[in-house]
Structures are given as C-alpha cells and as structure tokens.
Amino acid sequence: MSDLYPYCSKCDKELNDKEKQLNEKYDNLFYPICDECLTKHTKTIIELANEQID
C-alpha cells in the first residue's frame, strides 16, 4: 500500500482502509477516490447520459 496516494483526488479526504483496498484492487494508485466522491460522480455521469438519451 505504500505506492497508493492516501487522500481522495477529488476532495482531499484521507482514505479509510476499505477505500484504499478498493483503489488498490483496480490499480487506481495515483488518483484514488473515496466512496462518497465515487457515488456522487457516478450519479452525475448517469444523469448526463440520461439527458443525452432524452
């Protein structure tokens, strides 16, 4: 875990162990994201995609 940046790349909140493991699992070592930001930005992407469909 020493190569993982320990803060969220969006909000600068320190990552907890679960978030660190998830980011490491997907090789997201340099721009990790916390669960809160991941949820928020995923919802934004879904909303934008829905607007494009309509």
PDB file of N, CA and C in Angstrom:
ATOM      1  N   MET A   1       0.804  -1.199   0.000  1.00  0.00           N
ATOM      2  CA  MET A   1       0.000   0.000   0.000  1.00  0.00           C
ATOM      3  C   MET A   1       0.846   1.261   0.000  1.00  0.00           C
ATOM      4  N   SER A   2       2.119   1.155   0.068  1.00  0.00           N
ATOM      5  CA  SER A   2       2.968   2.332   0.161  1.00  0.00           C
ATOM      6  C   SER A   2       2.928   3.179  -1.106  1.00  0.00           C
ATOM      7  N   ASP A   3       2.567   2.588  -2.259  1.00  0.00           N
ATOM      8  CA  ASP A   3       2.510   3.338  -3.504  1.00  0.00           C
ATOM      9  C   ASP A   3       1.201   4.086  -3.692  1.00  0.00           C
ATOM     10  N   LEU A   4       0.203   3.782  -2.877  1.00  0.00           N
ATOM     11  CA  LEU A   4      -1.107   4.411  -3.006  1.00  0.00           C
ATOM     12  C   LEU A   4      -1.100   5.800  -2.371  1.00  0.00           C
ATOM     13  N   TYR A   5      -1.579   6.791  -3.138  1.00  0.00           N
ATOM     14  CA  TYR A   5      -1.741   8.135  -2.594  1.00  0.00           C
ATOM     15  C   TYR A   5      -2.839   8.063  -1.535  1.00  0.00           C
ATOM     16  N   PRO A   6      -2.607   8.508  -0.294  1.00  0.00           N
ATOM     17  CA  PRO A   6      -3.532   8.243   0.813  1.00  0.00           C
ATOM     18  C   PRO A   6      -4.748   9.174   0.918  1.00  0.00           C
ATOM     19  N   TYR A   7      -4.943  10.060  -0.052  1.00  0.00           N
ATOM     20  CA  TYR A   7      -6.066  11.000   0.011  1.00  0.00           C
ATOM     21  C   TYR A   7      -6.887  10.923  -1.271  1.00  0.00           C
ATOM     22  N   CYS A   8      -8.164  11.256  -1.154  1.00  0.00           N
ATOM     23  CA  CYS A   8      -9.040  11.290  -2.319  1.00  0.00           C
ATOM     24  C   CYS A   8      -8.554  12.378  -3.279  1.00  0.00           C
ATOM     25  N   SER A   9      -8.493  12.052  -4.551  1.00  0.00           N
ATOM     26  CA  SER A   9      -8.018  13.022  -5.540  1.00  0.00           C
ATOM     27  C   SER A   9      -9.069  14.079  -5.880  1.00  0.00           C
ATOM     28  N   LYS A  10     -10.296  13.897  -5.394  1.00  0.00           N
ATOM     29  CA  LYS A  10     -11.358  14.872  -5.640  1.00  0.00           C
ATOM     30  C   LYS A  10     -11.560  15.823  -4.464  1.00  0.00           C
ATOM     31  N   CYS A  11     -11.643  15.279  -3.241  1.00  0.00           N
ATOM     32  CA  CYS A  11     -11.983  16.120  -2.082  1.00  0.00           C
ATOM     33  C   CYS A  11     -10.857  16.221  -1.048  1.00  0.00           C
ATOM     34  N   ASP A  12      -9.764  15.527  -1.254  1.00  0.00           N
ATOM     35  CA  ASP A  12      -8.591  15.540  -0.358  1.00  0.00           C
ATOM     36  C   ASP A  12      -8.847  14.949   1.026  1.00  0.00           C
ATOM     37  N   LYS A  13      -9.939  14.192   1.171  1.00  0.00           N
ATOM     38  CA  LYS A  13     -10.213  13.495   2.427  1.00  0.00           C
ATOM     39  C   LYS A  13      -9.301  12.267   2.511  1.00  0.00           C
ATOM     40  N   GLU A  14      -8.819  11.976   3.701  1.00  0.00           N
ATOM     41  CA  GLU A  14      -7.980  10.794   3.862  1.00  0.00           C
ATOM     42  C   GLU A  14      -8.806   9.533   3.633  1.00  0.00           C
ATOM     43  N   LEU A  15      -8.263   8.600   2.877  1.00  0.00           N
ATOM     44  CA  LEU A  15      -8.967   7.363   2.573  1.00  0.00           C
ATOM     45  C   LEU A  15      -8.935   6.407   3.756  1.00  0.00           C
ATOM     46  N   ASN A  16     -10.044   5.692   3.980  1.00  0.00           N
ATOM     47  CA  ASN A  16     -10.043   4.662   5.017  1.00  0.00           C
ATOM     48  C   ASN A  16      -9.496   3.367   4.409  1.00  0.00           C
ATOM     49  N   ASP A  17      -9.345   2.339   5.222  1.00  0.00           N
ATOM     50  CA  ASP A  17      -8.747   1.089   4.751  1.00  0.00           C
ATOM     51  C   ASP A  17      -9.543   0.441   3.624  1.00  0.00           C
ATOM     52  N   LYS A  18     -10.867   0.479   3.727  1.00  0.00           N
ATOM     53  CA  LYS A  18     -11.724  -0.113   2.688  1.00  0.00           C
ATOM     54  C   LYS A  18     -11.522   0.599   1.353  1.00  0.00           C
ATOM     55  N   GLU A  19     -11.481   1.919   1.404  1.00  0.00           N
ATOM     56  CA  GLU A  19     -11.297   2.708   0.184  1.00  0.00           C
ATOM     57  C   GLU A  19      -9.910   2.467  -0.409  1.00  0.00           C
ATOM     58  N   LYS A  20      -8.915   2.368   0.432  1.00  0.00           N
ATOM     59  CA  LYS A  20      -7.556   2.078  -0.051  1.00  0.00           C
ATOM     60  C   LYS A  20      -7.506   0.731  -0.750  1.00  0.00           C
ATOM     61  N   GLN A  21      -8.145  -0.280  -0.163  1.00  0.00           N
ATOM     62  CA  GLN A  21      -8.151  -1.613  -0.764  1.00  0.00           C
ATOM     63  C   GLN A  21      -8.876  -1.610  -2.100  1.00  0.00           C
ATOM     64  N   LEU A  22      -9.998  -0.900  -2.184  1.00  0.00           N
ATOM     65  CA  LEU A  22     -10.759  -0.833  -3.427  1.00  0.00           C
ATOM     66  C   LEU A  22      -9.949  -0.157  -4.532  1.00  0.00           C
ATOM     67  N   ASN A  23      -9.301   0.952  -4.213  1.00  0.00           N
ATOM     68  CA  ASN A  23      -8.488   1.649  -5.212  1.00  0.00           C
ATOM     69  C   ASN A  23      -7.290   0.808  -5.629  1.00  0.00           C
ATOM     70  N   GLU A  24      -6.698   0.108  -4.684  1.00  0.00           N
ATOM     71  CA  GLU A  24      -5.560  -0.752  -4.996  1.00  0.00           C
ATOM     72  C   GLU A  24      -6.007  -1.921  -5.874  1.00  0.00           C
ATOM     73  N   LYS A  25      -7.179  -2.467  -5.605  1.00  0.00           N
ATOM     74  CA  LYS A  25      -7.723  -3.592  -6.379  1.00  0.00           C
ATOM     75  C   LYS A  25      -7.828  -3.237  -7.858  1.00  0.00           C
ATOM     76  N   TYR A  26      -8.225  -2.002  -8.149  1.00  0.00           N
ATOM     77  CA  TYR A  26      -8.389  -1.563  -9.533  1.00  0.00           C
ATOM     78  C   TYR A  26      -7.182  -0.779 -10.050  1.00  0.00           C
ATOM     79  N   ASP A  27      -6.036  -0.927  -9.383  1.00  0.00           N
ATOM     80  CA  ASP A  27      -4.787  -0.261  -9.787  1.00  0.00           C
ATOM     81  C   ASP A  27      -4.942   1.243  -9.937  1.00  0.00           C
ATOM     82  N   ASN A  28      -5.795   1.824  -9.127  1.00  0.00           N
ATOM     83  CA  ASN A  28      -6.015   3.262  -9.127  1.00  0.00           C
ATOM     84  C   ASN A  28      -5.145   3.866  -8.016  1.00  0.00           C
ATOM     85  N   LEU A  29      -3.824   3.831  -8.225  1.00  0.00           N
ATOM     86  CA  LEU A  29      -2.887   4.185  -7.164  1.00  0.00           C
ATOM     87  C   LEU A  29      -2.574   5.670  -7.084  1.00  0.00           C
ATOM     88  N   PHE A  30      -2.630   6.376  -8.189  1.00  0.00           N
ATOM     89  CA  PHE A  30      -2.194   7.768  -8.190  1.00  0.00           C
ATOM     90  C   PHE A  30      -3.334   8.776  -8.112  1.00  0.00           C
ATOM     91  N   TYR A  31      -4.534   8.378  -8.491  1.00  0.00           N
ATOM     92  CA  TYR A  31      -5.695   9.256  -8.409  1.00  0.00           C
ATOM     93  C   TYR A  31      -6.842   8.531  -7.719  1.00  0.00           C
ATOM     94  N   PRO A  32      -6.642   8.091  -6.481  1.00  0.00           N
ATOM     95  CA  PRO A  32      -7.695   7.346  -5.781  1.00  0.00           C
ATOM     96  C   PRO A  32      -8.885   8.242  -5.466  1.00  0.00           C
ATOM     97  N   ILE A  33     -10.025   7.604  -5.225  1.00  0.00           N
ATOM     98  CA  ILE A  33     -11.255   8.341  -4.946  1.00  0.00           C
ATOM     99  C   ILE A  33     -11.967   7.685  -3.770  1.00  0.00           C
ATOM    100  N   CYS A  34     -12.558   8.498  -2.916  1.00  0.00           N
ATOM    101  CA  CYS A  34     -13.281   7.969  -1.756  1.00  0.00           C
ATOM    102  C   CYS A  34     -14.672   7.499  -2.186  1.00  0.00           C
ATOM    103  N   ASP A  35     -15.329   6.724  -1.344  1.00  0.00           N
ATOM    104  CA  ASP A  35     -16.657   6.193  -1.667  1.00  0.00           C
ATOM    105  C   ASP A  35     -17.672   7.304  -1.921  1.00  0.00           C
ATOM    106  N   GLU A  36     -17.601   8.357  -1.126  1.00  0.00           N
ATOM    107  CA  GLU A  36     -18.553   9.463  -1.255  1.00  0.00           C
ATOM    108  C   GLU A  36     -18.432  10.144  -2.624  1.00  0.00           C
ATOM    109  N   CYS A  37     -17.209  10.444  -3.020  1.00  0.00           N
ATOM    110  CA  CYS A  37     -16.993  11.089  -4.318  1.00  0.00           C
ATOM    111  C   CYS A  37     -17.318  10.132  -5.463  1.00  0.00           C
ATOM    112  N   LEU A  38     -16.993   8.865  -5.303  1.00  0.00           N
ATOM    113  CA  LEU A  38     -17.302   7.879  -6.337  1.00  0.00           C
ATOM    114  C   LEU A  38     -18.801   7.815  -6.584  1.00  0.00           C
ATOM    115  N   THR A  39     -19.580   7.782  -5.522  1.00  0.00           N
ATOM    116  CA  THR A  39     -21.036   7.740  -5.640  1.00  0.00           C
ATOM    117  C   THR A  39     -21.564   9.013  -6.287  1.00  0.00           C
ATOM    118  N   LYS A  40     -21.072  10.161  -5.812  1.00  0.00           N
ATOM    119  CA  LYS A  40     -21.537  11.449  -6.333  1.00  0.00           C
ATOM    120  C   LYS A  40     -21.222  11.593  -7.821  1.00  0.00           C
ATOM    121  N   HIS A  41     -20.010  11.261  -8.227  1.00  0.00           N
ATOM    122  CA  HIS A  41     -19.616  11.439  -9.620  1.00  0.00           C
ATOM    123  C   HIS A  41     -20.242  10.389 -10.529  1.00  0.00           C
ATOM    124  N   THR A  42     -20.499   9.194 -10.016  1.00  0.00           N
ATOM    125  CA  THR A  42     -21.189   8.173 -10.802  1.00  0.00           C
ATOM    126  C   THR A  42     -22.613   8.629 -11.090  1.00  0.00           C
ATOM    127  N   LYS A  43     -23.294   9.190 -10.079  1.00  0.00           N
ATOM    128  CA  LYS A  43     -24.658   9.700 -10.285  1.00  0.00           C
ATOM    129  C   LYS A  43     -24.659  10.819 -11.327  1.00  0.00           C
ATOM    130  N   THR A  44     -23.665  11.685 -11.282  1.00  0.00           N
ATOM    131  CA  THR A  44     -23.575  12.780 -12.249  1.00  0.00           C
ATOM    132  C   THR A  44     -23.420  12.235 -13.665  1.00  0.00           C
ATOM    133  N   ILE A  45     -22.589  11.230 -13.843  1.00  0.00           N
ATOM    134  CA  ILE A  45     -22.381  10.640 -15.167  1.00  0.00           C
ATOM    135  C   ILE A  45     -23.665   9.993 -15.676  1.00  0.00           C
ATOM    136  N   ILE A  46     -24.381   9.309 -14.795  1.00  0.00           N
ATOM    137  CA  ILE A  46     -25.641   8.674 -15.183  1.00  0.00           C
ATOM    138  C   ILE A  46     -26.668   9.736 -15.585  1.00  0.00           C
ATOM    139  N   GLU A  47     -26.737  10.818 -14.835  1.00  0.00           N
ATOM    140  CA  GLU A  47     -27.671  11.900 -15.160  1.00  0.00           C
ATOM    141  C   GLU A  47     -27.340  12.521 -16.514  1.00  0.00           C
ATOM    142  N   LEU A  48     -26.053  12.740 -16.779  1.00  0.00           N
ATOM    143  CA  LEU A  48     -25.648  13.310 -18.068  1.00  0.00           C
ATOM    144  C   LEU A  48     -25.977  12.357 -19.214  1.00  0.00           C
ATOM    145  N   ALA A  49     -25.770  11.075 -19.011  1.00  0.00           N
ATOM    146  CA  ALA A  49     -26.083  10.086 -20.049  1.00  0.00           C
ATOM    147  C   ALA A  49     -27.593  10.068 -20.307  1.00  0.00           C
ATOM    148  N   ASN A  50     -28.380  10.149 -19.257  1.00  0.00           N
ATOM    149  CA  ASN A  50     -29.836  10.165 -19.425  1.00  0.00           C
ATOM    150  C   ASN A  50     -30.300  11.404 -20.204  1.00  0.00           C
ATOM    151  N   GLU A  51     -29.664  12.531 -19.959  1.00  0.00           N
ATOM    152  CA  GLU A  51     -30.007  13.751 -20.697  1.00  0.00           C
ATOM    153  C   GLU A  51     -29.707  13.599 -22.176  1.00  0.00           C
ATOM    154  N   GLN A  52     -28.611  12.912 -22.498  1.00  0.00           N
ATOM    155  CA  GLN A  52     -28.233  12.712 -23.897  1.00  0.00           C
ATOM    156  C   GLN A  52     -29.211  11.780 -24.605  1.00  0.00           C
ATOM    157  N   ILE A  53     -29.771  10.830 -23.861  1.00  0.00           N
ATOM    158  CA  ILE A  53     -30.722   9.873 -24.431  1.00  0.00           C
ATOM    159  C   ILE A  53     -32.044  10.554 -24.739  1.00  0.00           C
ATOM    160  N   ASP A  54     -32.460  11.448 -23.837  1.00  0.00           N
ATOM    161  CA  ASP A  54     -33.770  12.129 -23.992  1.00  0.00           C
ATOM    162  C   ASP A  54     -33.744  13.120 -25.091  1.00  0.00           C
TER     163      ASP A  54
END
